[in-house]
Protein backbone atom coordinates (compact mmCIF):
# COMPACT_ATOMS: atom_id res chain seq x y z
CA MET A 1 -74.78 -3.73 -29.10
CA SER A 2 -73.69 -3.61 -32.69
CA TRP A 3 -70.38 -3.45 -34.52
CA ALA A 4 -69.12 -2.66 -37.95
CA ARG A 5 -69.50 -5.49 -40.47
CA GLN A 6 -65.92 -5.08 -41.72
CA GLN A 7 -62.58 -4.31 -40.08
CA CYS A 8 -63.97 -4.64 -36.54
CA PHE A 9 -61.73 -5.31 -33.52
CA ARG A 10 -62.98 -6.53 -30.12
CA ASP A 11 -61.81 -7.89 -26.77
CA PRO A 12 -58.05 -7.08 -26.76
CA VAL A 13 -55.88 -9.09 -24.36
CA PRO A 14 -52.25 -7.99 -23.92
CA ILE A 15 -49.59 -10.67 -24.39
CA SER A 16 -46.53 -8.45 -24.05
CA ARG A 17 -45.54 -4.83 -24.51
CA ASP A 18 -45.77 -5.12 -28.30
CA TYR A 19 -48.38 -7.86 -28.91
CA PHE A 20 -51.99 -8.58 -28.01
CA LEU A 21 -54.71 -11.08 -28.84
CA CYS A 22 -58.05 -9.87 -30.10
CA SER A 23 -61.19 -10.82 -31.95
CA HIS A 24 -61.10 -9.34 -35.42
CA ALA A 25 -63.58 -9.45 -38.29
CA PRO A 26 -61.84 -8.45 -41.51
CA PHE A 27 -65.09 -9.22 -43.31
CA ASP A 28 -68.12 -10.98 -41.90
CA LYS A 29 -66.84 -13.55 -39.34
CA PHE A 30 -64.75 -12.98 -36.23
CA GLY A 31 -61.48 -14.84 -35.85
CA LEU A 32 -58.74 -14.80 -33.23
CA TYR A 33 -55.67 -12.80 -34.17
CA VAL A 34 -52.37 -11.77 -32.66
CA ILE A 35 -51.62 -8.13 -33.52
CA ASP A 36 -48.50 -6.07 -32.91
CA ARG A 37 -48.29 -2.42 -31.96
CA TYR A 38 -47.77 -1.45 -35.62
CA GLY A 39 -51.00 -3.06 -36.82
CA ASN A 40 -49.51 -6.21 -38.32
CA ARG A 41 -51.85 -9.13 -37.72
CA GLU A 42 -51.59 -12.88 -37.85
CA LEU A 43 -54.62 -15.17 -37.91
CA LEU A 44 -54.57 -17.81 -35.17
CA TYR A 45 -58.02 -19.34 -35.59
CA LEU A 46 -61.06 -18.76 -37.79
CA ASP A 47 -64.02 -21.12 -38.09
CA PRO A 48 -66.05 -20.36 -41.23
CA GLU A 49 -69.24 -21.61 -39.53
CA ILE A 50 -69.12 -19.56 -36.33
CA GLY A 51 -67.37 -16.44 -35.11
CA SER A 52 -64.69 -16.59 -32.42
CA MET A 53 -64.71 -13.89 -29.74
CA SER A 54 -63.28 -13.12 -26.32
CA PRO A 55 -59.80 -14.69 -26.44
CA SER A 56 -58.26 -15.56 -23.09
CA LEU A 57 -54.77 -16.55 -22.11
CA LEU A 58 -54.32 -19.91 -20.48
CA GLN A 59 -51.73 -20.34 -17.79
CA PRO A 60 -50.51 -23.44 -16.02
CA VAL A 61 -51.90 -24.03 -12.56
CA ALA A 62 -50.52 -26.24 -9.81
CA ALA A 63 -52.27 -29.55 -9.28
CA PRO A 64 -54.42 -29.63 -6.14
CA PRO A 65 -52.92 -31.46 -3.17
CA VAL A 66 -53.69 -35.15 -2.84
CA LEU A 67 -55.52 -35.94 0.38
CA GLY A 68 -54.15 -38.88 2.31
CA SER A 69 -56.28 -41.64 3.71
CA ILE A 70 -57.79 -41.25 7.18
CA GLU A 71 -56.72 -43.83 9.72
CA VAL A 72 -59.59 -45.07 11.88
CA ALA A 73 -59.00 -47.02 15.05
CA GLU A 74 -60.24 -50.60 14.83
CA ASP A 75 -62.38 -50.32 17.98
CA SER A 76 -64.25 -47.18 16.87
CA PRO A 77 -67.65 -47.71 15.22
CA PRO A 78 -67.95 -46.63 11.56
CA GLU A 79 -69.73 -43.29 11.65
CA GLY A 80 -70.33 -40.52 9.23
CA GLN A 81 -72.64 -37.69 8.36
CA PHE A 82 -74.27 -37.71 4.97
CA PHE A 83 -76.55 -35.32 3.13
CA VAL A 84 -78.59 -36.42 0.14
CA ALA A 85 -80.15 -33.71 -2.01
CA ASP A 86 -82.90 -34.07 -4.56
CA VAL A 87 -81.19 -32.67 -7.65
CA TYR A 88 -84.48 -32.58 -9.52
CA GLN A 89 -86.15 -30.27 -7.02
CA GLY A 90 -86.80 -26.98 -8.76
CA ILE A 91 -86.10 -28.17 -12.31
CA GLU A 92 -89.13 -30.42 -12.78
CA PRO A 93 -91.07 -30.57 -15.14
CA VAL A 94 -88.46 -29.12 -17.54
CA VAL A 95 -86.06 -31.95 -16.72
CA ALA A 96 -87.87 -35.20 -16.11
CA ARG A 97 -86.83 -37.31 -13.14
CA GLY A 98 -84.22 -39.84 -14.23
CA ARG A 99 -82.93 -37.84 -17.21
């Protein structure tokens, strides 16, 4: 995969009928721009050290429901089922145990 070194556009994301976000490289580095249907562009973010690609829109999400406490009868014995996994299984020796 290659792209032009100047005036390159990538990854458009529509915002409305007339505007969209995209990655744009006017010269050598990609930045995030908002562009209208007539080609006018406004820089939103450009880091001179690294390119910025693949803009995505963020939207608010509802908070997950809060789980209430579980009432346990006083005369019932404390029971539970537990599963303990060895998180290092399969990644040793790349990740040493305890790291």
